[in-house]
PDB file of N, CA and C in Angstrom:
ATOM      1  N   MET A   1       0.986  -1.161  -0.264  1.00  0.00           N
ATOM      2  CA  MET A   1       0.126  -0.070   0.045  1.00  0.00           C
ATOM      3  C   MET A   1       0.894   1.153  -0.146  1.00  0.00           C
ATOM      4  N   LYS A   2       0.741   2.038  -0.773  1.00  0.00           N
ATOM      5  CA  LYS A   2       1.901   3.390  -1.065  1.00  0.00           C
ATOM      6  C   LYS A   2       1.192   4.524   0.145  1.00  0.00           C
ATOM      7  N   THR A   3       2.005   4.930   0.666  1.00  0.00           N
ATOM      8  CA  THR A   3       1.967   5.824   1.605  1.00  0.00           C
ATOM      9  C   THR A   3       1.372   7.027   1.223  1.00  0.00           C
ATOM     10  N   ARG A   4       0.294   7.420   1.585  1.00  0.00           N
ATOM     11  CA  ARG A   4      -0.164   9.022   1.895  1.00  0.00           C
ATOM     12  C   ARG A   4       0.531   9.863   2.245  1.00  0.00           C
ATOM     13  N   VAL A   5       0.451  11.152   1.788  1.00  0.00           N
ATOM     14  CA  VAL A   5       0.853  12.355   2.485  1.00  0.00           C
ATOM     15  C   VAL A   5       0.023  13.697   2.769  1.00  0.00           C
ATOM     16  N   LEU A   6      -0.521  13.642   3.759  1.00  0.00           N
ATOM     17  CA  LEU A   6      -1.557  14.895   3.961  1.00  0.00           C
ATOM     18  C   LEU A   6      -0.814  16.005   3.538  1.00  0.00           C
ATOM     19  N   ASN A   7      -1.698  17.000   2.743  1.00  0.00           N
ATOM     20  CA  ASN A   7      -1.256  18.351   2.497  1.00  0.00           C
ATOM     21  C   ASN A   7      -2.201  19.277   3.083  1.00  0.00           C
ATOM     22  N   PHE A   8      -1.795  20.790   3.218  1.00  0.00           N
ATOM     23  CA  PHE A   8      -2.691  21.670   3.927  1.00  0.00           C
ATOM     24  C   PHE A   8      -3.250  22.726   3.190  1.00  0.00           C
ATOM     25  N   TYR A   9      -3.126  22.318   1.310  1.00  0.00           N
ATOM     26  CA  TYR A   9      -3.382  23.354   0.701  1.00  0.00           C
ATOM     27  C   TYR A   9      -4.952  23.489   0.821  1.00  0.00           C
ATOM     28  N   GLU A  10      -5.668  22.815   1.317  1.00  0.00           N
ATOM     29  CA  GLU A  10      -7.277  23.083   1.679  1.00  0.00           C
ATOM     30  C   GLU A  10      -7.628  23.646   2.787  1.00  0.00           C
ATOM     31  N   LEU A  11      -6.596  23.975   3.508  1.00  0.00           N
ATOM     32  CA  LEU A  11      -6.690  24.824   4.886  1.00  0.00           C
ATOM     33  C   LEU A  11      -6.868  26.168   4.657  1.00  0.00           C
ATOM     34  N   LYS A  12      -7.768  26.807   5.110  1.00  0.00           N
ATOM     35  CA  LYS A  12      -8.258  28.133   4.860  1.00  0.00           C
ATOM     36  C   LYS A  12      -8.073  29.042   6.426  1.00  0.00           C
ATOM     37  N   LEU A  13      -6.913  29.642   6.518  1.00  0.00           N
ATOM     38  CA  LEU A  13      -6.748  30.140   7.820  1.00  0.00           C
ATOM     39  C   LEU A  13      -7.687  31.431   7.952  1.00  0.00           C
ATOM     40  N   ASN A  14      -8.144  31.828   9.245  1.00  0.00           N
ATOM     41  CA  ASN A  14      -8.565  32.610   9.668  1.00  0.00           C
ATOM     42  C   ASN A  14      -8.107  33.566  10.677  1.00  0.00           C
ATOM     43  N   ASN A  15      -8.498  34.690  11.224  1.00  0.00           N
ATOM     44  CA  ASN A  15      -7.711  35.656  11.910  1.00  0.00           C
ATOM     45  C   ASN A  15      -8.596  35.597  13.441  1.00  0.00           C
ATOM     46  N   ARG A  16      -9.660  34.717  13.623  1.00  0.00           N
ATOM     47  CA  ARG A  16     -10.157  34.383  14.870  1.00  0.00           C
ATOM     48  C   ARG A  16      -9.377  33.494  15.763  1.00  0.00           C
ATOM     49  N   GLU A  17      -8.647  32.531  15.480  1.00  0.00           N
ATOM     50  CA  GLU A  17      -7.783  31.564  16.297  1.00  0.00           C
ATOM     51  C   GLU A  17      -6.389  31.488  15.963  1.00  0.00           C
ATOM     52  N   PRO A  18      -5.544  31.281  16.789  1.00  0.00           N
ATOM     53  CA  PRO A  18      -4.079  31.105  16.580  1.00  0.00           C
ATOM     54  C   PRO A  18      -3.917  30.282  15.253  1.00  0.00           C
ATOM     55  N   VAL A  19      -3.039  30.210  14.371  1.00  0.00           N
ATOM     56  CA  VAL A  19      -2.580  29.682  13.161  1.00  0.00           C
ATOM     57  C   VAL A  19      -2.417  28.209  13.717  1.00  0.00           C
ATOM     58  N   TYR A  20      -1.421  28.149  14.718  1.00  0.00           N
ATOM     59  CA  TYR A  20      -0.956  26.927  14.952  1.00  0.00           C
ATOM     60  C   TYR A  20      -2.126  25.851  15.675  1.00  0.00           C
ATOM     61  N   LEU A  21      -3.185  26.639  16.032  1.00  0.00           N
ATOM     62  CA  LEU A  21      -4.284  25.596  16.602  1.00  0.00           C
ATOM     63  C   LEU A  21      -5.407  25.436  15.227  1.00  0.00           C
ATOM     64  N   GLN A  22      -5.468  26.276  14.333  1.00  0.00           N
ATOM     65  CA  GLN A  22      -6.317  25.971  13.273  1.00  0.00           C
ATOM     66  C   GLN A  22      -5.304  24.962  12.353  1.00  0.00           C
ATOM     67  N   ALA A  23      -3.929  24.688  12.678  1.00  0.00           N
ATOM     68  CA  ALA A  23      -3.024  23.832  11.592  1.00  0.00           C
ATOM     69  C   ALA A  23      -3.399  22.342  12.355  1.00  0.00           C
ATOM     70  N   ALA A  24      -3.512  22.600  13.581  1.00  0.00           N
ATOM     71  CA  ALA A  24      -3.664  20.902  14.434  1.00  0.00           C
ATOM     72  C   ALA A  24      -5.150  20.605  14.368  1.00  0.00           C
ATOM     73  N   LEU A  25      -6.095  21.432  14.485  1.00  0.00           N
ATOM     74  CA  LEU A  25      -7.659  21.061  14.216  1.00  0.00           C
ATOM     75  C   LEU A  25      -7.847  20.676  12.731  1.00  0.00           C
ATOM     76  N   TYR A  26      -7.027  21.237  11.641  1.00  0.00           N
ATOM     77  CA  TYR A  26      -7.233  20.634  10.449  1.00  0.00           C
ATOM     78  C   TYR A  26      -6.890  19.074  10.362  1.00  0.00           C
ATOM     79  N   VAL A  27      -5.826  18.966  11.222  1.00  0.00           N
ATOM     80  CA  VAL A  27      -5.537  17.289  11.195  1.00  0.00           C
ATOM     81  C   VAL A  27      -6.506  16.293  11.620  1.00  0.00           C
ATOM     82  N   LYS A  28      -6.808  17.237  12.642  1.00  0.00           N
ATOM     83  CA  LYS A  28      -8.120  16.293  13.830  1.00  0.00           C
ATOM     84  C   LYS A  28      -9.202  16.160  12.721  1.00  0.00           C
ATOM     85  N   ARG A  29      -9.614  17.273  11.806  1.00  0.00           N
ATOM     86  CA  ARG A  29     -10.687  17.118  11.161  1.00  0.00           C
ATOM     87  C   ARG A  29     -10.523  16.287   9.742  1.00  0.00           C
ATOM     88  N   GLN A  30      -9.107  16.160   9.422  1.00  0.00           N
ATOM     89  CA  GLN A  30      -9.170  15.126   8.400  1.00  0.00           C
ATOM     90  C   GLN A  30      -8.896  13.691   8.739  1.00  0.00           C
ATOM     91  N   ILE A  31      -8.645  13.657   9.924  1.00  0.00           N
ATOM     92  CA  ILE A  31      -8.722  12.009  10.976  1.00  0.00           C
ATOM     93  C   ILE A  31     -10.207  11.784  11.171  1.00  0.00           C
ATOM     94  N   LEU A  32     -11.059  12.786  11.506  1.00  0.00           N
ATOM     95  CA  LEU A  32     -12.471  12.470  11.933  1.00  0.00           C
ATOM     96  C   LEU A  32     -13.034  12.224  10.564  1.00  0.00           C
ATOM     97  N   LEU A  33     -12.942  12.710   9.414  1.00  0.00           N
ATOM     98  CA  LEU A  33     -13.243  12.509   8.097  1.00  0.00           C
ATOM     99  C   LEU A  33     -12.548  11.423   7.165  1.00  0.00           C
ATOM    100  N   ARG A  34     -11.844  10.508   8.190  1.00  0.00           N
ATOM    101  CA  ARG A  34     -10.952   9.594   7.447  1.00  0.00           C
ATOM    102  C   ARG A  34     -10.420   9.724   6.226  1.00  0.00           C
ATOM    103  N   LYS A  35      -9.926  11.060   5.828  1.00  0.00           N
ATOM    104  CA  LYS A  35      -9.011  11.286   5.144  1.00  0.00           C
ATOM    105  C   LYS A  35      -7.645  11.052   5.246  1.00  0.00           C
ATOM    106  N   ALA A  36      -7.269  11.324   6.627  1.00  0.00           N
ATOM    107  CA  ALA A  36      -5.926  10.935   7.025  1.00  0.00           C
ATOM    108  C   ALA A  36      -6.302   9.378   8.196  1.00  0.00           C
ATOM    109  N   VAL A  37      -4.845   8.759   8.242  1.00  0.00           N
ATOM    110  CA  VAL A  37      -5.400   7.696   8.726  1.00  0.00           C
ATOM    111  C   VAL A  37      -3.868   7.086   9.098  1.00  0.00           C
ATOM    112  N   SER A  38      -3.887   6.251  10.169  1.00  0.00           N
ATOM    113  CA  SER A  38      -2.822   5.857  10.847  1.00  0.00           C
ATOM    114  C   SER A  38      -1.771   5.593   9.784  1.00  0.00           C
ATOM    115  N   GLY A  39      -0.440   6.012   9.684  1.00  0.00           N
ATOM    116  CA  GLY A  39       0.444   5.665   8.850  1.00  0.00           C
ATOM    117  C   GLY A  39       0.708   6.897   7.843  1.00  0.00           C
ATOM    118  N   ASP A  40      -0.306   7.589   7.531  1.00  0.00           N
ATOM    119  CA  ASP A  40      -0.103   9.056   6.702  1.00  0.00           C
ATOM    120  C   ASP A  40       0.868   9.714   7.066  1.00  0.00           C
ATOM    121  N   LYS A  41       1.748  10.348   6.186  1.00  0.00           N
ATOM    122  CA  LYS A  41       2.608  11.201   6.506  1.00  0.00           C
ATOM    123  C   LYS A  41       2.229  12.516   6.458  1.00  0.00           C
ATOM    124  N   LEU A  42       2.926  13.311   7.424  1.00  0.00           N
ATOM    125  CA  LEU A  42       2.819  14.743   7.357  1.00  0.00           C
ATOM    126  C   LEU A  42       3.994  15.289   6.561  1.00  0.00           C
ATOM    127  N   PRO A  43       3.565  16.263   5.757  1.00  0.00           N
ATOM    128  CA  PRO A  43       4.991  17.316   5.280  1.00  0.00           C
ATOM    129  C   PRO A  43       5.712  17.708   6.147  1.00  0.00           C
ATOM    130  N   SER A  44       7.107  17.937   5.534  1.00  0.00           N
ATOM    131  CA  SER A  44       7.983  18.672   6.502  1.00  0.00           C
ATOM    132  C   SER A  44       7.360  20.116   7.315  1.00  0.00           C
ATOM    133  N   ARG A  45       7.788  20.548   8.342  1.00  0.00           N
ATOM    134  CA  ARG A  45       7.495  21.949   8.821  1.00  0.00           C
ATOM    135  C   ARG A  45       7.669  22.634   7.684  1.00  0.00           C
ATOM    136  N   ARG A  46       8.902  22.678   7.107  1.00  0.00           N
ATOM    137  CA  ARG A  46       9.062  23.925   5.998  1.00  0.00           C
ATOM    138  C   ARG A  46       7.914  24.011   4.927  1.00  0.00           C
ATOM    139  N   GLU A  47       7.675  22.531   4.603  1.00  0.00           N
ATOM    140  CA  GLU A  47       6.676  22.180   3.559  1.00  0.00           C
ATOM    141  C   GLU A  47       5.429  22.826   3.928  1.00  0.00           C
ATOM    142  N   ILE A  48       4.994  22.546   5.008  1.00  0.00           N
ATOM    143  CA  ILE A  48       3.636  23.145   5.614  1.00  0.00           C
ATOM    144  C   ILE A  48       3.757  24.678   5.771  1.00  0.00           C
ATOM    145  N   ALA A  49       4.788  24.929   6.203  1.00  0.00           N
ATOM    146  CA  ALA A  49       4.821  26.569   6.305  1.00  0.00           C
ATOM    147  C   ALA A  49       4.913  27.197   5.047  1.00  0.00           C
ATOM    148  N   ALA A  50       5.312  26.585   3.773  1.00  0.00           N
ATOM    149  CA  ALA A  50       5.351  27.017   2.590  1.00  0.00           C
ATOM    150  C   ALA A  50       3.851  27.013   2.013  1.00  0.00           C
ATOM    151  N   GLN A  51       3.392  26.025   2.123  1.00  0.00           N
ATOM    152  CA  GLN A  51       2.008  25.650   1.828  1.00  0.00           C
ATOM    153  C   GLN A  51       0.829  26.618   2.287  1.00  0.00           C
ATOM    154  N   LEU A  52       0.810  26.948   3.679  1.00  0.00           N
ATOM    155  CA  LEU A  52       0.267  28.075   4.213  1.00  0.00           C
ATOM    156  C   LEU A  52       0.685  29.439   4.360  1.00  0.00           C
ATOM    157  N   ASN A  53       1.946  29.648   3.534  1.00  0.00           N
ATOM    158  CA  ASN A  53       2.605  30.952   3.788  1.00  0.00           C
ATOM    159  C   ASN A  53       2.889  31.757   5.197  1.00  0.00           C
ATOM    160  N   ILE A  54       3.113  30.657   5.998  1.00  0.00           N
ATOM    161  CA  ILE A  54       3.427  30.909   7.367  1.00  0.00           C
ATOM    162  C   ILE A  54       4.597  30.683   7.998  1.00  0.00           C
ATOM    163  N   ASN A  55       5.107  31.245   9.313  1.00  0.00           N
ATOM    164  CA  ASN A  55       6.469  31.306   9.674  1.00  0.00           C
ATOM    165  C   ASN A  55       6.775  29.488  10.083  1.00  0.00           C
ATOM    166  N   PRO A  56       7.899  29.218   9.772  1.00  0.00           N
ATOM    167  CA  PRO A  56       7.797  27.493  10.136  1.00  0.00           C
ATOM    168  C   PRO A  56       8.175  27.332  11.816  1.00  0.00           C
ATOM    169  N   ASN A  57       8.203  28.540  12.596  1.00  0.00           N
ATOM    170  CA  ASN A  57       7.923  28.125  14.093  1.00  0.00           C
ATOM    171  C   ASN A  57       6.441  28.221  14.457  1.00  0.00           C
ATOM    172  N   THR A  58       5.655  28.405  13.824  1.00  0.00           N
ATOM    173  CA  THR A  58       4.244  28.318  14.265  1.00  0.00           C
ATOM    174  C   THR A  58       3.709  26.956  13.803  1.00  0.00           C
ATOM    175  N   VAL A  59       4.397  26.440  12.485  1.00  0.00           N
ATOM    176  CA  VAL A  59       4.061  25.164  12.162  1.00  0.00           C
ATOM    177  C   VAL A  59       4.869  23.999  13.307  1.00  0.00           C
ATOM    178  N   GLN A  60       5.889  24.491  13.925  1.00  0.00           N
ATOM    179  CA  GLN A  60       6.477  23.642  14.883  1.00  0.00           C
ATOM    180  C   GLN A  60       5.594  23.687  16.229  1.00  0.00           C
ATOM    181  N   LYS A  61       5.083  24.692  16.463  1.00  0.00           N
ATOM    182  CA  LYS A  61       4.302  24.902  17.751  1.00  0.00           C
ATOM    183  C   LYS A  61       3.038  23.731  17.237  1.00  0.00           C
ATOM    184  N   ALA A  62       2.332  23.840  16.195  1.00  0.00           N
ATOM    185  CA  ALA A  62       1.519  22.885  15.942  1.00  0.00           C
ATOM    186  C   ALA A  62       1.745  21.589  16.029  1.00  0.00           C
ATOM    187  N   PHE A  63       2.832  21.061  15.660  1.00  0.00           N
ATOM    188  CA  PHE A  63       3.653  19.891  15.832  1.00  0.00           C
ATOM    189  C   PHE A  63       3.478  19.359  17.110  1.00  0.00           C
ATOM    190  N   LYS A  64       4.303  20.400  18.001  1.00  0.00           N
ATOM    191  CA  LYS A  64       4.461  20.105  19.392  1.00  0.00           C
ATOM    192  C   LYS A  64       2.965  19.627  20.126  1.00  0.00           C
ATOM    193  N   LEU A  65       1.924  20.494  19.491  1.00  0.00           N
ATOM    194  CA  LEU A  65       0.828  20.313  20.128  1.00  0.00           C
ATOM    195  C   LEU A  65       0.237  19.083  19.686  1.00  0.00           C
ATOM    196  N   MET A  66       0.173  18.407  18.444  1.00  0.00           N
ATOM    197  CA  MET A  66      -0.403  17.388  17.713  1.00  0.00           C
ATOM    198  C   MET A  66       0.396  16.125  18.573  1.00  0.00           C
ATOM    199  N   GLU A  67       1.631  16.218  18.771  1.00  0.00           N
ATOM    200  CA  GLU A  67       2.555  15.141  19.334  1.00  0.00           C
ATOM    201  C   GLU A  67       1.975  14.909  20.718  1.00  0.00           C
ATOM    202  N   ASP A  68       1.738  16.100  21.412  1.00  0.00           N
ATOM    203  CA  ASP A  68       1.669  15.891  22.939  1.00  0.00           C
ATOM    204  C   ASP A  68      -0.020  15.292  22.974  1.00  0.00           C
ATOM    205  N   GLU A  69      -0.927  15.556  21.953  1.00  0.00           N
ATOM    206  CA  GLU A  69      -2.132  14.957  22.036  1.00  0.00           C
ATOM    207  C   GLU A  69      -2.303  13.643  21.414  1.00  0.00           C
ATOM    208  N   GLY A  70      -0.887  12.997  20.958  1.00  0.00           N
ATOM    209  CA  GLY A  70      -0.911  11.808  20.724  1.00  0.00           C
ATOM    210  C   GLY A  70      -1.200  11.248  19.112  1.00  0.00           C
ATOM    211  N   TYR A  71      -1.786  12.365  18.503  1.00  0.00           N
ATOM    212  CA  TYR A  71      -2.187  11.848  17.035  1.00  0.00           C
ATOM    213  C   TYR A  71      -1.083  11.948  15.894  1.00  0.00           C
ATOM    214  N   VAL A  72      -0.108  12.497  16.374  1.00  0.00           N
ATOM    215  CA  VAL A  72       1.158  12.446  15.413  1.00  0.00           C
ATOM    216  C   VAL A  72       2.008  11.943  16.189  1.00  0.00           C
ATOM    217  N   ARG A  73       3.149  11.235  15.453  1.00  0.00           N
ATOM    218  CA  ARG A  73       4.236  10.596  16.087  1.00  0.00           C
ATOM    219  C   ARG A  73       5.498  11.383  14.965  1.00  0.00           C
ATOM    220  N   THR A  74       6.515  11.665  15.835  1.00  0.00           N
ATOM    221  CA  THR A  74       7.684  11.963  14.949  1.00  0.00           C
ATOM    222  C   THR A  74       8.925  10.912  15.228  1.00  0.00           C
ATOM    223  N   SER A  75       9.445  10.693  14.357  1.00  0.00           N
ATOM    224  CA  SER A  75      10.776   9.768  14.503  1.00  0.00           C
ATOM    225  C   SER A  75      11.615  10.435  13.461  1.00  0.00           C
ATOM    226  N   SER A  76      13.035  10.175  13.520  1.00  0.00           N
ATOM    227  CA  SER A  76      14.065  10.773  12.918  1.00  0.00           C
ATOM    228  C   SER A  76      14.288   9.863  11.503  1.00  0.00           C
ATOM    229  N   THR A  77      13.859   8.606  11.358  1.00  0.00           N
ATOM    230  CA  THR A  77      14.079   7.743  10.352  1.00  0.00           C
ATOM    231  C   THR A  77      12.616   8.053   9.539  1.00  0.00           C
ATOM    232  N   LEU A  78      11.536   8.014  10.356  1.00  0.00           N
ATOM    233  CA  LEU A  78       9.976   8.278   9.341  1.00  0.00           C
ATOM    234  C   LEU A  78       9.535   9.557   8.965  1.00  0.00           C
ATOM    235  N   GLY A  79      10.091  10.399   9.976  1.00  0.00           N
ATOM    236  CA  GLY A  79       9.506  11.939  10.111  1.00  0.00           C
ATOM    237  C   GLY A  79       8.196  11.828  10.631  1.00  0.00           C
ATOM    238  N   SER A  80       7.267  12.640  10.639  1.00  0.00           N
ATOM    239  CA  SER A  80       5.907  12.529  11.252  1.00  0.00           C
ATOM    240  C   SER A  80       4.802  11.900  10.424  1.00  0.00           C
ATOM    241  N   VAL A  81       4.174  11.007  11.466  1.00  0.00           N
ATOM    242  CA  VAL A  81       2.918  10.398  10.682  1.00  0.00           C
ATOM    243  C   VAL A  81       1.851  10.382  11.676  1.00  0.00           C
ATOM    244  N   ILE A  82       0.646  10.141  11.342  1.00  0.00           N
ATOM    245  CA  ILE A  82      -0.505  10.199  11.768  1.00  0.00           C
ATOM    246  C   ILE A  82      -0.410   8.840  12.666  1.00  0.00           C
ATOM    247  N   TYR A  83      -0.982   8.866  13.972  1.00  0.00           N
ATOM    248  CA  TYR A  83      -1.157   7.831  14.383  1.00  0.00           C
ATOM    249  C   TYR A  83      -2.584   8.146  15.317  1.00  0.00           C
ATOM    250  N   VAL A  84      -3.379   7.079  14.710  1.00  0.00           N
ATOM    251  CA  VAL A  84      -4.811   6.605  15.719  1.00  0.00           C
ATOM    252  C   VAL A  84      -5.082   5.454  15.884  1.00  0.00           C
ATOM    253  N   ASP A  85      -5.631   5.620  17.133  1.00  0.00           N
ATOM    254  CA  ASP A  85      -6.217   4.093  17.608  1.00  0.00           C
ATOM    255  C   ASP A  85      -7.340   4.732  18.165  1.00  0.00           C
ATOM    256  N   ASP A  86      -8.171   3.539  18.437  1.00  0.00           N
ATOM    257  CA  ASP A  86      -9.720   3.876  18.772  1.00  0.00           C
ATOM    258  C   ASP A  86      -9.765   4.829  19.812  1.00  0.00           C
ATOM    259  N   ASP A  87      -9.071   4.948  20.801  1.00  0.00           N
ATOM    260  CA  ASP A  87      -9.380   5.854  22.158  1.00  0.00           C
ATOM    261  C   ASP A  87      -8.736   7.416  21.535  1.00  0.00           C
ATOM    262  N   ILE A  88      -7.992   7.591  20.852  1.00  0.00           N
ATOM    263  CA  ILE A  88      -7.756   9.027  19.847  1.00  0.00           C
ATOM    264  C   ILE A  88      -8.706   9.210  18.725  1.00  0.00           C
ATOM    265  N   LEU A  89      -9.225   8.501  18.520  1.00  0.00           N
ATOM    266  CA  LEU A  89     -10.410   8.589  17.483  1.00  0.00           C
ATOM    267  C   LEU A  89     -11.587   8.982  18.030  1.00  0.00           C
ATOM    268  N   LYS A  90     -11.707   8.550  19.138  1.00  0.00           N
ATOM    269  CA  LYS A  90     -13.028   8.864  20.115  1.00  0.00           C
ATOM    270  C   LYS A  90     -12.869  10.063  20.467  1.00  0.00           C
ATOM    271  N   ARG A  91     -11.666  10.321  21.157  1.00  0.00           N
ATOM    272  CA  ARG A  91     -11.226  11.431  21.701  1.00  0.00           C
ATOM    273  C   ARG A  91     -11.655  12.635  20.809  1.00  0.00           C
ATOM    274  N   ILE A  92     -11.224  12.518  19.703  1.00  0.00           N
ATOM    275  CA  ILE A  92     -11.181  13.487  18.470  1.00  0.00           C
ATOM    276  C   ILE A  92     -12.486  13.835  18.007  1.00  0.00           C
ATOM    277  N   GLU A  93     -13.281  12.845  18.037  1.00  0.00           N
ATOM    278  CA  GLU A  93     -14.668  12.836  17.616  1.00  0.00           C
ATOM    279  C   GLU A  93     -15.350  13.533  18.748  1.00  0.00           C
ATOM    280  N   THR A  94     -15.350  13.356  19.789  1.00  0.00           N
ATOM    281  CA  THR A  94     -15.956  14.075  21.256  1.00  0.00           C
ATOM    282  C   THR A  94     -15.719  15.552  21.040  1.00  0.00           C
ATOM    283  N   GLU A  95     -14.313  15.626  20.720  1.00  0.00           N
ATOM    284  CA  GLU A  95     -13.925  17.199  21.087  1.00  0.00           C
ATOM    285  C   GLU A  95     -14.292  17.884  19.908  1.00  0.00           C
ATOM    286  N   LEU A  96     -14.551  17.601  18.809  1.00  0.00           N
ATOM    287  CA  LEU A  96     -15.010  18.206  17.244  1.00  0.00           C
ATOM    288  C   LEU A  96     -16.449  18.298  17.623  1.00  0.00           C
ATOM    289  N   THR A  97     -17.294  17.209  18.100  1.00  0.00           N
ATOM    290  CA  THR A  97     -18.651  17.237  18.076  1.00  0.00           C
ATOM    291  C   THR A  97     -18.936  18.434  18.833  1.00  0.00           C
ATOM    292  N   ARG A  98     -18.449  18.131  20.428  1.00  0.00           N
ATOM    293  CA  ARG A  98     -18.915  19.008  21.345  1.00  0.00           C
ATOM    294  C   ARG A  98     -18.639  20.646  20.866  1.00  0.00           C
ATOM    295  N   GLU A  99     -17.576  20.926  20.342  1.00  0.00           N
ATOM    296  CA  GLU A  99     -17.531  22.133  19.725  1.00  0.00           C
ATOM    297  C   GLU A  99     -18.232  22.698  18.936  1.00  0.00           C
ATOM    298  N   LEU A 100     -18.870  21.804  18.201  1.00  0.00           N
ATOM    299  CA  LEU A 100     -19.720  22.223  17.068  1.00  0.00           C
ATOM    300  C   LEU A 100     -20.823  22.573  17.738  1.00  0.00           C
ATOM    301  N   VAL A 101     -21.230  21.913  18.366  1.00  0.00           N
ATOM    302  CA  VAL A 101     -22.762  21.778  19.126  1.00  0.00           C
ATOM    303  C   VAL A 101     -22.795  23.013  19.854  1.00  0.00           C
ATOM    304  N   GLN A 102     -21.680  23.281  20.683  1.00  0.00           N
ATOM    305  CA  GLN A 102     -21.514  24.563  21.811  1.00  0.00           C
ATOM    306  C   GLN A 102     -21.548  25.823  20.815  1.00  0.00           C
ATOM    307  N   SER A 103     -20.726  25.909  19.932  1.00  0.00           N
ATOM    308  CA  SER A 103     -20.748  27.057  18.917  1.00  0.00           C
ATOM    309  C   SER A 103     -22.400  27.415  18.273  1.00  0.00           C
ATOM    310  N   PHE A 104     -22.986  26.288  17.804  1.00  0.00           N
ATOM    311  CA  PHE A 104     -24.187  26.324  17.096  1.00  0.00           C
ATOM    312  C   PHE A 104     -25.308  27.044  18.331  1.00  0.00           C
ATOM    313  N   VAL A 105     -25.081  26.421  19.578  1.00  0.00           N
ATOM    314  CA  VAL A 105     -25.980  26.751  20.791  1.00  0.00           C
ATOM    315  C   VAL A 105     -26.018  28.073  21.253  1.00  0.00           C
ATOM    316  N   GLU A 106     -24.536  28.481  21.352  1.00  0.00           N
ATOM    317  CA  GLU A 106     -24.170  30.139  21.391  1.00  0.00           C
ATOM    318  C   GLU A 106     -24.943  31.007  20.709  1.00  0.00           C
ATOM    319  N   SER A 107     -24.694  30.368  19.242  1.00  0.00           N
ATOM    320  CA  SER A 107     -25.238  31.430  18.231  1.00  0.00           C
ATOM    321  C   SER A 107     -26.590  31.492  18.509  1.00  0.00           C
ATOM    322  N   ALA A 108     -27.429  30.383  18.394  1.00  0.00           N
ATOM    323  CA  ALA A 108     -28.791  30.202  18.817  1.00  0.00           C
ATOM    324  C   ALA A 108     -29.265  31.349  20.040  1.00  0.00           C
ATOM    325  N   LYS A 109     -28.354  30.909  21.116  1.00  0.00           N
ATOM    326  CA  LYS A 109     -28.998  32.036  22.234  1.00  0.00           C
ATOM    327  C   LYS A 109     -28.470  33.341  21.777  1.00  0.00           C
ATOM    328  N   ASP A 110     -27.647  33.823  21.383  1.00  0.00           N
ATOM    329  CA  ASP A 110     -27.235  35.270  20.601  1.00  0.00           C
ATOM    330  C   ASP A 110     -28.601  35.626  19.990  1.00  0.00           C
ATOM    331  N   ILE A 111     -29.005  35.253  19.297  1.00  0.00           N
ATOM    332  CA  ILE A 111     -30.138  35.727  18.536  1.00  0.00           C
ATOM    333  C   ILE A 111     -31.528  35.203  18.985  1.00  0.00           C
ATOM    334  N   GLN A 112     -31.151  35.049  20.552  1.00  0.00           N
ATOM    335  CA  GLN A 112     -32.668  34.538  21.089  1.00  0.00           C
ATOM    336  C   GLN A 112     -33.374  33.803  20.569  1.00  0.00           C
ATOM    337  N   LEU A 113     -33.028  32.567  20.090  1.00  0.00           N
ATOM    338  CA  LEU A 113     -34.150  31.695  19.299  1.00  0.00           C
ATOM    339  C   LEU A 113     -34.439  30.883  20.602  1.00  0.00           C
ATOM    340  N   SER A 114     -35.722  30.539  20.980  1.00  0.00           N
ATOM    341  CA  SER A 114     -36.111  29.515  21.765  1.00  0.00           C
ATOM    342  C   SER A 114     -35.608  28.018  21.628  1.00  0.00           C
ATOM    343  N   PHE A 115     -35.670  27.277  22.478  1.00  0.00           N
ATOM    344  CA  PHE A 115     -35.232  25.895  22.626  1.00  0.00           C
ATOM    345  C   PHE A 115     -36.242  25.360  21.323  1.00  0.00           C
ATOM    346  N   LYS A 116     -37.315  25.397  21.576  1.00  0.00           N
ATOM    347  CA  LYS A 116     -38.452  24.770  20.751  1.00  0.00           C
ATOM    348  C   LYS A 116     -38.225  25.132  19.268  1.00  0.00           C
ATOM    349  N   THR A 117     -37.863  26.392  19.209  1.00  0.00           N
ATOM    350  CA  THR A 117     -37.747  26.945  17.504  1.00  0.00           C
ATOM    351  C   THR A 117     -36.329  26.314  17.124  1.00  0.00           C
ATOM    352  N   VAL A 118     -35.200  26.018  17.857  1.00  0.00           N
ATOM    353  CA  VAL A 118     -33.982  25.160  17.510  1.00  0.00           C
ATOM    354  C   VAL A 118     -34.339  24.096  17.193  1.00  0.00           C
ATOM    355  N   VAL A 119     -34.864  22.904  17.930  1.00  0.00           N
ATOM    356  CA  VAL A 119     -35.081  21.776  17.896  1.00  0.00           C
ATOM    357  C   VAL A 119     -36.251  21.716  16.534  1.00  0.00           C
ATOM    358  N   GLU A 120     -37.254  22.320  16.436  1.00  0.00           N
ATOM    359  CA  GLU A 120     -37.922  22.323  15.078  1.00  0.00           C
ATOM    360  C   GLU A 120     -37.022  22.671  14.134  1.00  0.00           C
ATOM    361  N   LEU A 121     -36.200  23.487  14.079  1.00  0.00           N
ATOM    362  CA  LEU A 121     -35.290  23.700  12.833  1.00  0.00           C
ATOM    363  C   LEU A 121     -34.317  22.596  12.880  1.00  0.00           C
ATOM    364  N   ILE A 122     -33.805  22.023  13.738  1.00  0.00           N
ATOM    365  CA  ILE A 122     -33.097  20.856  13.391  1.00  0.00           C
ATOM    366  C   ILE A 122     -33.784  19.436  12.702  1.00  0.00           C
ATOM    367  N   SER A 123     -34.887  19.830  13.373  1.00  0.00           N
ATOM    368  CA  SER A 123     -36.097  18.437  12.832  1.00  0.00           C
ATOM    369  C   SER A 123     -35.845  18.727  11.398  1.00  0.00           C
ATOM    370  N   GLU A 124     -36.516  19.851  10.909  1.00  0.00           N
ATOM    371  CA  GLU A 124     -36.734  20.306   9.625  1.00  0.00           C
ATOM    372  C   GLU A 124     -35.584  19.968   8.683  1.00  0.00           C
ATOM    373  N   TYR A 125     -34.367  20.483   9.030  1.00  0.00           N
ATOM    374  CA  TYR A 125     -32.991  20.264   8.467  1.00  0.00           C
ATOM    375  C   TYR A 125     -32.272  19.045   8.198  1.00  0.00           C
ATOM    376  N   TRP A 126     -32.889  18.132   9.204  1.00  0.00           N
ATOM    377  CA  TRP A 126     -32.250  16.834   9.405  1.00  0.00           C
ATOM    378  C   TRP A 126     -32.737  15.922   8.491  1.00  0.00           C
ATOM    379  N   GLU A 127     -34.144  16.135   8.258  1.00  0.00           N
ATOM    380  CA  GLU A 127     -34.721  15.428   6.791  1.00  0.00           C
ATOM    381  C   GLU A 127     -34.073  16.005   5.591  1.00  0.00           C
TER     382      GLU A 127
END
């Protein structure tokens, strides 16, 4: 099986969150969507910096976070690769789902939607 390399060209950076967090979150989303799986390689820090047009130190900060959280492993022989087991996948799924729902609920409350209206709208769009 050919080793895949995750690229960062699809990541559109925003001005609301730190760039290194956006890069790490992008990798988590790719894992959740099964577009990145265990064994997939990450480009070098310099390549990612070039793809995103950002400072390599920012990329290094993202790698540190991803390694600390366990879903990226780096070795001198293999470079940086995605590592996902059932626990890591479940943790990422829970984190991203909770963030999505929390953001939605806060937005709904900001415009003073009632719980009943929100549930009705969700039911309507779910179908």
